[in-house]
């Protein structure tokens, strides 16, 4: 399974950033797309910690290896990430 990330021009990694790491974790609390924020997972319902309730690490996305070296930039804002091993793990656990 591949996921696409589209970077907006006014946010995200700086052009010179080659050290940042984004950690993608399992979310342990289902959220409501209409109300989810940094502090709430649903209308008036707060995460147990700001930013979300998260479990095991799924994948790290590294600025240099996964973005810069793959040609991702604000001029080329569509970055693709492969989550196949994670999806296979979920399927095997069923």
N, C-alpha and C. Protein backbone atom coordinates (compact mmCIF):
# COMPACT_ATOMS: atom_id res chain seq x y z
N UNK A 1 0.84 -1.16 0.00
CA UNK A 1 0.00 0.00 0.00
C UNK A 1 0.89 1.23 0.00
N UNK A 2 0.62 2.13 -0.93
CA UNK A 2 1.37 3.38 -0.97
C UNK A 2 0.45 4.52 -0.58
N UNK A 3 0.99 5.46 0.16
CA UNK A 3 0.24 6.65 0.53
C UNK A 3 0.94 7.86 -0.04
N UNK A 4 0.17 8.82 -0.47
CA UNK A 4 0.73 10.04 -1.02
C UNK A 4 0.59 11.16 -0.01
N UNK A 5 1.62 11.95 0.07
CA UNK A 5 1.61 13.13 0.92
C UNK A 5 1.83 14.34 0.01
N UNK A 6 0.97 15.33 0.12
CA UNK A 6 1.13 16.55 -0.66
C UNK A 6 1.50 17.68 0.28
N UNK A 7 2.62 18.27 0.05
CA UNK A 7 3.13 19.35 0.90
C UNK A 7 2.62 20.69 0.39
N UNK A 8 2.07 21.48 1.28
CA UNK A 8 1.66 22.83 0.91
C UNK A 8 2.88 23.74 0.93
N UNK A 9 2.84 24.80 0.15
CA UNK A 9 3.98 25.71 0.05
C UNK A 9 4.29 26.44 1.36
N UNK A 10 3.30 26.61 2.22
CA UNK A 10 3.52 27.41 3.43
C UNK A 10 3.75 26.57 4.69
N UNK A 11 4.01 25.28 4.53
CA UNK A 11 4.26 24.44 5.71
C UNK A 11 5.20 23.30 5.36
N UNK A 12 5.58 22.56 6.36
CA UNK A 12 6.39 21.37 6.12
C UNK A 12 7.87 21.61 6.34
N UNK A 13 8.68 20.71 5.80
CA UNK A 13 10.12 20.77 5.95
C UNK A 13 10.70 21.98 5.21
N UNK A 14 11.73 22.58 5.77
CA UNK A 14 12.46 23.65 5.09
C UNK A 14 13.30 23.04 3.98
N UNK A 15 13.60 23.83 2.96
CA UNK A 15 14.41 23.35 1.84
C UNK A 15 15.73 22.73 2.31
N UNK A 16 16.32 23.31 3.32
CA UNK A 16 17.64 22.87 3.78
C UNK A 16 17.57 21.74 4.81
N UNK A 17 16.38 21.31 5.18
CA UNK A 17 16.23 20.30 6.22
C UNK A 17 16.59 18.91 5.69
N UNK A 18 17.62 18.32 6.27
CA UNK A 18 18.00 16.95 5.91
C UNK A 18 18.10 16.07 7.15
N UNK A 19 17.66 16.57 8.30
CA UNK A 19 17.81 15.82 9.54
C UNK A 19 16.50 15.44 10.22
N UNK A 20 15.40 16.05 9.87
CA UNK A 20 14.14 15.77 10.56
C UNK A 20 13.66 14.35 10.28
N UNK A 21 12.97 13.79 11.27
CA UNK A 21 12.38 12.46 11.15
C UNK A 21 10.92 12.56 11.60
N UNK A 22 10.02 12.08 10.76
CA UNK A 22 8.61 12.03 11.09
C UNK A 22 8.29 10.59 11.45
N UNK A 23 7.80 10.37 12.65
CA UNK A 23 7.45 9.02 13.11
C UNK A 23 5.96 8.79 12.89
N UNK A 24 5.61 7.76 12.14
CA UNK A 24 4.21 7.40 11.89
C UNK A 24 3.86 6.24 12.82
N UNK A 25 2.86 6.45 13.67
CA UNK A 25 2.46 5.45 14.66
C UNK A 25 1.02 4.99 14.41
N UNK A 26 0.69 3.86 14.97
CA UNK A 26 -0.69 3.40 15.01
C UNK A 26 -1.45 4.35 15.91
N UNK A 27 -2.63 4.77 15.49
CA UNK A 27 -3.48 5.60 16.34
C UNK A 27 -4.38 4.66 17.13
N UNK A 28 -4.37 4.79 18.45
CA UNK A 28 -5.12 3.87 19.29
C UNK A 28 -6.54 4.33 19.61
N UNK A 29 -6.87 5.55 19.22
CA UNK A 29 -8.23 6.07 19.42
C UNK A 29 -8.80 6.48 18.06
N UNK A 30 -9.93 5.91 17.66
CA UNK A 30 -10.54 6.33 16.39
C UNK A 30 -10.93 7.81 16.46
N UNK A 31 -10.69 8.53 15.38
CA UNK A 31 -11.01 9.96 15.40
C UNK A 31 -12.09 10.27 14.38
N UNK A 32 -12.70 11.42 14.56
CA UNK A 32 -13.76 11.90 13.68
C UNK A 32 -13.16 12.94 12.74
N UNK A 33 -13.14 12.64 11.46
CA UNK A 33 -12.52 13.53 10.47
C UNK A 33 -13.08 14.95 10.51
N UNK A 34 -14.33 15.09 10.92
CA UNK A 34 -14.95 16.41 10.95
C UNK A 34 -14.49 17.27 12.13
N UNK A 35 -13.93 16.65 13.16
CA UNK A 35 -13.58 17.39 14.37
C UNK A 35 -12.16 17.21 14.86
N UNK A 36 -11.39 16.32 14.26
CA UNK A 36 -10.06 16.03 14.79
C UNK A 36 -9.15 17.26 14.74
N UNK A 37 -8.43 17.49 15.84
CA UNK A 37 -7.46 18.58 15.94
C UNK A 37 -6.26 18.05 16.72
N UNK A 38 -5.32 18.90 16.98
CA UNK A 38 -4.15 18.53 17.77
C UNK A 38 -4.56 18.11 19.18
N UNK A 39 -5.64 18.72 19.71
CA UNK A 39 -6.05 18.44 21.08
C UNK A 39 -7.26 17.52 21.21
N UNK A 40 -8.09 17.41 20.17
CA UNK A 40 -9.33 16.62 20.24
C UNK A 40 -9.40 15.56 19.15
N UNK A 41 -9.96 14.40 19.49
CA UNK A 41 -10.19 13.36 18.48
C UNK A 41 -11.63 13.39 17.97
N UNK A 42 -12.51 14.08 18.69
CA UNK A 42 -13.91 14.25 18.26
C UNK A 42 -14.41 15.56 18.85
N UNK A 43 -15.63 15.90 18.57
CA UNK A 43 -16.20 17.16 19.02
C UNK A 43 -16.18 17.25 20.54
N UNK A 44 -15.24 18.03 21.08
CA UNK A 44 -15.12 18.23 22.53
C UNK A 44 -14.48 17.09 23.29
N UNK A 45 -13.98 16.06 22.59
CA UNK A 45 -13.36 14.92 23.26
C UNK A 45 -11.85 14.97 23.05
N UNK A 46 -11.11 15.12 24.14
CA UNK A 46 -9.67 15.32 24.08
C UNK A 46 -8.90 14.00 24.01
N UNK A 47 -7.80 14.05 23.22
CA UNK A 47 -6.84 12.94 23.25
C UNK A 47 -6.31 12.82 24.68
N UNK A 48 -5.76 11.68 25.04
CA UNK A 48 -5.16 11.55 26.37
C UNK A 48 -3.84 12.32 26.43
N UNK A 49 -3.23 12.59 25.27
CA UNK A 49 -2.05 13.47 25.19
C UNK A 49 -2.18 14.29 23.91
N UNK A 50 -1.75 15.52 23.96
CA UNK A 50 -1.84 16.40 22.79
C UNK A 50 -1.14 15.75 21.59
N UNK A 51 -1.75 15.84 20.44
CA UNK A 51 -1.18 15.27 19.22
C UNK A 51 -1.74 13.91 18.88
N UNK A 52 -2.42 13.27 19.82
CA UNK A 52 -3.04 11.99 19.53
C UNK A 52 -2.61 10.89 20.48
N UNK A 53 -3.41 9.85 20.46
CA UNK A 53 -3.11 8.66 21.26
C UNK A 53 -2.49 7.66 20.31
N UNK A 54 -1.21 7.39 20.50
CA UNK A 54 -0.55 6.53 19.53
C UNK A 54 0.10 5.33 20.16
N UNK A 55 0.18 4.27 19.34
CA UNK A 55 0.76 3.01 19.77
C UNK A 55 2.06 2.76 19.06
N UNK A 56 2.26 1.52 18.60
CA UNK A 56 3.53 1.13 18.01
C UNK A 56 3.91 1.94 16.76
N UNK A 57 5.19 2.07 16.57
CA UNK A 57 5.73 2.74 15.39
C UNK A 57 5.43 1.92 14.14
N UNK A 58 4.95 2.58 13.10
CA UNK A 58 4.71 1.93 11.81
C UNK A 58 5.92 2.13 10.90
N UNK A 59 6.36 3.39 10.79
CA UNK A 59 7.44 3.72 9.87
C UNK A 59 7.97 5.10 10.20
N UNK A 60 9.26 5.29 10.00
CA UNK A 60 9.84 6.62 10.09
C UNK A 60 10.01 7.17 8.68
N UNK A 61 9.73 8.45 8.53
CA UNK A 61 9.96 9.15 7.26
C UNK A 61 11.07 10.14 7.53
N UNK A 62 12.19 9.96 6.86
CA UNK A 62 13.38 10.77 7.08
C UNK A 62 13.53 11.82 5.99
N UNK A 63 13.81 13.05 6.40
CA UNK A 63 13.89 14.17 5.46
C UNK A 63 14.87 13.90 4.32
N UNK A 64 16.08 13.46 4.63
CA UNK A 64 17.08 13.25 3.58
C UNK A 64 16.75 12.04 2.71
N UNK A 65 16.62 10.88 3.32
CA UNK A 65 16.44 9.64 2.57
C UNK A 65 15.10 9.55 1.85
N UNK A 66 14.02 9.93 2.52
CA UNK A 66 12.68 9.73 1.97
C UNK A 66 12.12 10.92 1.22
N UNK A 67 12.70 12.09 1.41
CA UNK A 67 12.17 13.27 0.75
C UNK A 67 13.18 13.90 -0.20
N UNK A 68 14.25 14.44 0.34
CA UNK A 68 15.24 15.15 -0.49
C UNK A 68 15.82 14.23 -1.57
N UNK A 69 16.31 13.06 -1.17
CA UNK A 69 16.95 12.15 -2.13
C UNK A 69 15.97 11.56 -3.15
N UNK A 70 14.68 11.62 -2.86
CA UNK A 70 13.67 11.09 -3.77
C UNK A 70 13.09 12.19 -4.67
N UNK A 71 13.64 13.40 -4.57
CA UNK A 71 13.21 14.49 -5.44
C UNK A 71 12.02 15.28 -4.94
N UNK A 72 11.60 15.03 -3.72
CA UNK A 72 10.48 15.77 -3.14
C UNK A 72 10.93 17.17 -2.77
N UNK A 73 10.12 18.14 -3.08
CA UNK A 73 10.39 19.54 -2.73
C UNK A 73 9.07 20.30 -2.81
N UNK A 74 9.10 21.55 -2.44
CA UNK A 74 7.89 22.35 -2.56
C UNK A 74 7.51 22.55 -4.03
N UNK A 75 8.50 22.46 -4.92
CA UNK A 75 8.22 22.53 -6.36
C UNK A 75 7.68 21.20 -6.89
N UNK A 76 8.01 20.10 -6.22
CA UNK A 76 7.53 18.76 -6.56
C UNK A 76 6.89 18.19 -5.29
N UNK A 77 5.64 18.62 -4.98
CA UNK A 77 5.07 18.39 -3.66
C UNK A 77 4.44 17.02 -3.39
N UNK A 78 4.46 16.11 -4.33
CA UNK A 78 3.81 14.82 -4.11
C UNK A 78 4.83 13.75 -3.77
N UNK A 79 4.86 13.35 -2.51
CA UNK A 79 5.79 12.32 -2.04
C UNK A 79 4.99 11.06 -1.76
N UNK A 80 5.52 9.91 -2.17
CA UNK A 80 4.86 8.63 -1.98
C UNK A 80 5.61 7.82 -0.93
N UNK A 81 4.87 7.16 -0.05
CA UNK A 81 5.46 6.35 0.99
C UNK A 81 4.83 4.96 0.96
N UNK A 82 5.65 3.95 1.06
CA UNK A 82 5.21 2.57 1.00
C UNK A 82 4.92 2.04 2.40
N UNK A 83 3.68 1.63 2.62
CA UNK A 83 3.27 1.06 3.90
C UNK A 83 2.89 -0.42 3.75
N UNK A 84 3.35 -1.05 2.67
CA UNK A 84 3.01 -2.45 2.40
C UNK A 84 3.36 -3.37 3.56
N UNK A 85 4.57 -3.30 4.14
CA UNK A 85 4.88 -4.22 5.25
C UNK A 85 3.89 -4.09 6.42
N UNK A 86 3.47 -2.87 6.72
CA UNK A 86 2.51 -2.67 7.81
C UNK A 86 1.15 -3.28 7.47
N UNK A 87 0.68 -3.06 6.26
CA UNK A 87 -0.61 -3.61 5.84
C UNK A 87 -0.56 -5.13 5.84
N UNK A 88 0.56 -5.71 5.38
CA UNK A 88 0.71 -7.17 5.40
C UNK A 88 0.68 -7.70 6.82
N UNK A 89 1.28 -6.98 7.74
CA UNK A 89 1.28 -7.38 9.15
C UNK A 89 -0.14 -7.37 9.71
N UNK A 90 -0.91 -6.37 9.36
CA UNK A 90 -2.31 -6.29 9.81
C UNK A 90 -3.10 -7.47 9.24
N UNK A 91 -2.92 -7.73 7.96
CA UNK A 91 -3.65 -8.84 7.32
C UNK A 91 -3.28 -10.18 7.94
N UNK A 92 -2.01 -10.38 8.23
CA UNK A 92 -1.56 -11.65 8.82
C UNK A 92 -2.12 -11.85 10.22
N UNK A 93 -2.37 -10.75 10.92
CA UNK A 93 -2.88 -10.84 12.29
C UNK A 93 -4.38 -11.14 12.34
N UNK A 94 -5.06 -11.03 11.22
CA UNK A 94 -6.52 -11.27 11.19
C UNK A 94 -6.87 -12.69 11.42
